[in-house]
Amino acid sequence: MKVLYGALPRTSGYVTLDGHEVVTRSPQEGLANGIVYISEDRKRDGLVLGMSVKENMSLTALRYFSRAGGSLKHADE
C-alpha cells in the first residue's frame, strides 16, 4: 500500500485511477493524485513519538507554513 501512496518506490507494474495511469514518486504526489495512506498501526506509522501531542497534530499543517527546503515562511506584517 505504501507504494501506491508514493512512500516506497515502485519496482514494477502500474496504477490506474479513472482510466489514467498514475505515477506517485512521493507522498506529496500521492496526495495530489487523490491517494492517501492510512496505517492500521497508527502508533507505529502515524506518530513521531519523541514529539508532543500538539507537535504531532501540527505536522499536517506544516505545508501551509513552510517553503521548499524546509524553512518557515514569516507572516506579512
N, C-alpha and C. Protein backbone atom coordinates (compact mmCIF):
# COMPACT_ATOMS: atom_id res chain seq x y z
N MET A 1 0.81 -1.19 0.00
CA MET A 1 0.00 0.00 0.00
C MET A 1 0.86 1.26 0.00
N LYS A 2 2.00 1.22 0.65
CA LYS A 2 2.86 2.41 0.69
C LYS A 2 3.41 2.76 -0.69
N VAL A 3 3.50 1.77 -1.57
CA VAL A 3 3.94 2.03 -2.94
C VAL A 3 2.88 2.83 -3.68
N LEU A 4 1.61 2.49 -3.50
CA LEU A 4 0.53 3.22 -4.17
C LEU A 4 0.52 4.68 -3.77
N TYR A 5 0.83 4.95 -2.52
CA TYR A 5 0.82 6.30 -1.97
C TYR A 5 2.08 7.08 -2.34
N GLY A 6 3.15 6.38 -2.66
CA GLY A 6 4.40 7.04 -3.01
C GLY A 6 5.43 7.05 -1.90
N ALA A 7 5.15 6.36 -0.80
CA ALA A 7 6.09 6.33 0.33
C ALA A 7 7.24 5.35 0.08
N LEU A 8 7.04 4.38 -0.80
CA LEU A 8 8.08 3.44 -1.20
C LEU A 8 8.17 3.43 -2.72
N PRO A 9 9.36 3.18 -3.29
CA PRO A 9 9.49 3.19 -4.75
C PRO A 9 8.81 2.00 -5.40
N ARG A 10 8.24 2.22 -6.57
CA ARG A 10 7.61 1.16 -7.35
C ARG A 10 8.70 0.41 -8.11
N THR A 11 8.67 -0.92 -8.09
CA THR A 11 9.68 -1.72 -8.79
C THR A 11 9.12 -2.33 -10.08
N SER A 12 7.81 -2.45 -10.18
CA SER A 12 7.20 -2.97 -11.41
C SER A 12 5.71 -2.66 -11.38
N GLY A 13 5.07 -2.86 -12.51
CA GLY A 13 3.64 -2.66 -12.60
C GLY A 13 3.25 -1.19 -12.74
N TYR A 14 1.95 -0.95 -12.70
CA TYR A 14 1.45 0.41 -12.83
C TYR A 14 0.11 0.52 -12.11
N VAL A 15 -0.31 1.74 -11.87
CA VAL A 15 -1.57 2.02 -11.18
C VAL A 15 -2.42 2.88 -12.10
N THR A 16 -3.69 2.53 -12.24
CA THR A 16 -4.60 3.39 -12.99
C THR A 16 -5.69 3.88 -12.06
N LEU A 17 -6.10 5.11 -12.27
CA LEU A 17 -7.17 5.73 -11.49
C LEU A 17 -8.07 6.44 -12.48
N ASP A 18 -9.33 6.05 -12.54
CA ASP A 18 -10.28 6.60 -13.50
C ASP A 18 -9.78 6.46 -14.94
N GLY A 19 -9.12 5.33 -15.23
CA GLY A 19 -8.66 5.05 -16.58
C GLY A 19 -7.35 5.69 -16.98
N HIS A 20 -6.71 6.43 -16.08
CA HIS A 20 -5.44 7.09 -16.38
C HIS A 20 -4.34 6.51 -15.49
N GLU A 21 -3.16 6.32 -16.08
CA GLU A 21 -2.04 5.84 -15.27
C GLU A 21 -1.61 6.93 -14.30
N VAL A 22 -1.38 6.53 -13.06
CA VAL A 22 -0.97 7.45 -12.00
C VAL A 22 0.43 7.06 -11.55
N VAL A 23 1.33 8.02 -11.52
CA VAL A 23 2.69 7.80 -11.05
C VAL A 23 2.86 8.59 -9.76
N THR A 24 3.21 7.89 -8.69
CA THR A 24 3.42 8.55 -7.40
C THR A 24 4.82 8.24 -6.92
N ARG A 25 5.70 9.22 -7.03
CA ARG A 25 7.09 9.05 -6.61
C ARG A 25 7.33 9.57 -5.20
N SER A 26 6.31 10.20 -4.62
CA SER A 26 6.44 10.74 -3.27
C SER A 26 5.04 10.82 -2.66
N PRO A 27 4.95 10.89 -1.33
CA PRO A 27 3.64 11.08 -0.70
C PRO A 27 2.94 12.35 -1.18
N GLN A 28 3.70 13.40 -1.49
CA GLN A 28 3.10 14.64 -1.99
C GLN A 28 2.39 14.40 -3.33
N GLU A 29 3.02 13.62 -4.20
CA GLU A 29 2.39 13.29 -5.48
C GLU A 29 1.17 12.40 -5.25
N GLY A 30 1.26 11.49 -4.29
CA GLY A 30 0.11 10.66 -3.96
C GLY A 30 -1.07 11.50 -3.54
N LEU A 31 -0.84 12.46 -2.65
CA LEU A 31 -1.91 13.35 -2.21
C LEU A 31 -2.47 14.16 -3.37
N ALA A 32 -1.59 14.66 -4.23
CA ALA A 32 -2.03 15.45 -5.38
C ALA A 32 -2.90 14.62 -6.33
N ASN A 33 -2.66 13.31 -6.36
CA ASN A 33 -3.44 12.41 -7.20
C ASN A 33 -4.67 11.85 -6.48
N GLY A 34 -4.90 12.28 -5.26
CA GLY A 34 -6.07 11.82 -4.51
C GLY A 34 -5.88 10.49 -3.82
N ILE A 35 -4.63 10.09 -3.59
CA ILE A 35 -4.33 8.81 -2.94
C ILE A 35 -3.72 9.10 -1.58
N VAL A 36 -4.26 8.49 -0.55
CA VAL A 36 -3.73 8.66 0.80
C VAL A 36 -3.42 7.29 1.39
N TYR A 37 -2.57 7.28 2.39
CA TYR A 37 -2.23 6.05 3.10
C TYR A 37 -2.67 6.21 4.54
N ILE A 38 -3.52 5.31 4.99
CA ILE A 38 -3.96 5.31 6.39
C ILE A 38 -3.50 3.99 6.99
N SER A 39 -2.59 4.08 7.92
CA SER A 39 -2.00 2.90 8.53
C SER A 39 -2.95 2.23 9.52
N GLU A 40 -2.87 0.91 9.58
CA GLU A 40 -3.61 0.18 10.62
C GLU A 40 -2.94 0.36 11.97
N ASP A 41 -1.64 0.58 11.96
CA ASP A 41 -0.87 0.75 13.19
C ASP A 41 -0.47 2.21 13.32
N ARG A 42 -1.40 3.03 13.79
CA ARG A 42 -1.15 4.47 13.87
C ARG A 42 -0.07 4.82 14.87
N LYS A 43 0.12 4.00 15.91
CA LYS A 43 1.18 4.29 16.88
C LYS A 43 2.55 4.14 16.23
N ARG A 44 2.71 3.12 15.40
CA ARG A 44 3.99 2.90 14.73
C ARG A 44 4.19 3.84 13.55
N ASP A 45 3.16 4.04 12.73
CA ASP A 45 3.31 4.78 11.48
C ASP A 45 2.77 6.20 11.50
N GLY A 46 1.95 6.53 12.47
CA GLY A 46 1.27 7.81 12.42
C GLY A 46 1.73 8.86 13.40
N LEU A 47 2.67 8.53 14.26
CA LEU A 47 3.11 9.48 15.27
C LEU A 47 4.63 9.60 15.28
N VAL A 48 5.09 10.77 15.67
CA VAL A 48 6.51 10.96 15.96
C VAL A 48 6.59 10.91 17.48
N LEU A 49 7.00 9.76 18.02
CA LEU A 49 6.87 9.51 19.45
C LEU A 49 7.72 10.44 20.31
N GLY A 50 8.75 11.04 19.76
CA GLY A 50 9.57 11.98 20.52
C GLY A 50 8.97 13.38 20.58
N MET A 51 7.82 13.57 19.94
CA MET A 51 7.18 14.89 19.91
C MET A 51 5.92 14.88 20.77
N SER A 52 5.50 16.06 21.18
CA SER A 52 4.28 16.18 21.98
C SER A 52 3.04 15.95 21.11
N VAL A 53 1.89 15.80 21.74
CA VAL A 53 0.63 15.67 21.01
C VAL A 53 0.41 16.90 20.13
N LYS A 54 0.65 18.08 20.69
CA LYS A 54 0.47 19.33 19.94
C LYS A 54 1.37 19.36 18.70
N GLU A 55 2.63 18.96 18.86
CA GLU A 55 3.55 18.95 17.72
C GLU A 55 3.13 17.94 16.66
N ASN A 56 2.68 16.76 17.08
CA ASN A 56 2.21 15.75 16.14
C ASN A 56 0.99 16.25 15.38
N MET A 57 0.09 16.92 16.07
CA MET A 57 -1.12 17.42 15.42
C MET A 57 -0.81 18.53 14.42
N SER A 58 0.24 19.28 14.66
CA SER A 58 0.56 20.39 13.76
C SER A 58 1.34 19.94 12.52
N LEU A 59 1.83 18.71 12.49
CA LEU A 59 2.61 18.25 11.35
C LEU A 59 1.85 18.34 10.03
N THR A 60 0.56 18.07 10.06
CA THR A 60 -0.22 18.10 8.82
C THR A 60 -0.38 19.50 8.27
N ALA A 61 -0.22 20.52 9.10
CA ALA A 61 -0.38 21.90 8.64
C ALA A 61 0.94 22.55 8.22
N LEU A 62 2.06 21.88 8.41
CA LEU A 62 3.36 22.48 8.10
C LEU A 62 3.49 22.91 6.65
N ARG A 63 2.84 22.20 5.74
CA ARG A 63 2.98 22.57 4.33
C ARG A 63 2.44 23.97 4.04
N TYR A 64 1.53 24.46 4.87
CA TYR A 64 0.99 25.80 4.67
C TYR A 64 1.94 26.89 5.16
N PHE A 65 2.88 26.51 6.00
CA PHE A 65 3.78 27.48 6.62
C PHE A 65 5.24 27.33 6.20
N SER A 66 5.54 26.35 5.35
CA SER A 66 6.94 26.12 5.00
C SER A 66 7.19 26.32 3.52
N ARG A 67 8.44 26.54 3.21
CA ARG A 67 8.89 26.70 1.82
C ARG A 67 9.67 25.46 1.42
N ALA A 68 9.96 25.35 0.14
CA ALA A 68 10.82 24.26 -0.33
C ALA A 68 12.16 24.39 0.38
N GLY A 69 12.68 23.30 0.86
CA GLY A 69 13.93 23.33 1.61
C GLY A 69 13.71 23.31 3.11
N GLY A 70 12.46 23.49 3.56
CA GLY A 70 12.14 23.33 4.96
C GLY A 70 12.08 24.57 5.81
N SER A 71 12.40 25.75 5.28
CA SER A 71 12.35 26.95 6.13
C SER A 71 10.91 27.44 6.26
N LEU A 72 10.62 28.04 7.40
CA LEU A 72 9.27 28.55 7.64
C LEU A 72 9.09 29.91 7.01
N LYS A 73 7.87 30.16 6.50
CA LYS A 73 7.53 31.48 5.97
C LYS A 73 7.24 32.41 7.14
N HIS A 74 7.64 33.64 7.03
CA HIS A 74 7.32 34.63 8.06
C HIS A 74 6.04 35.35 7.67
N ALA A 75 5.19 35.60 8.63
CA ALA A 75 3.93 36.28 8.36
C ALA A 75 4.19 37.70 7.87
N ASP A 76 3.36 38.16 6.95
CA ASP A 76 3.45 39.54 6.49
C ASP A 76 2.95 40.46 7.60
N GLU A 77 3.65 41.57 7.79
CA GLU A 77 3.25 42.50 8.84
C GLU A 77 2.41 43.60 8.28
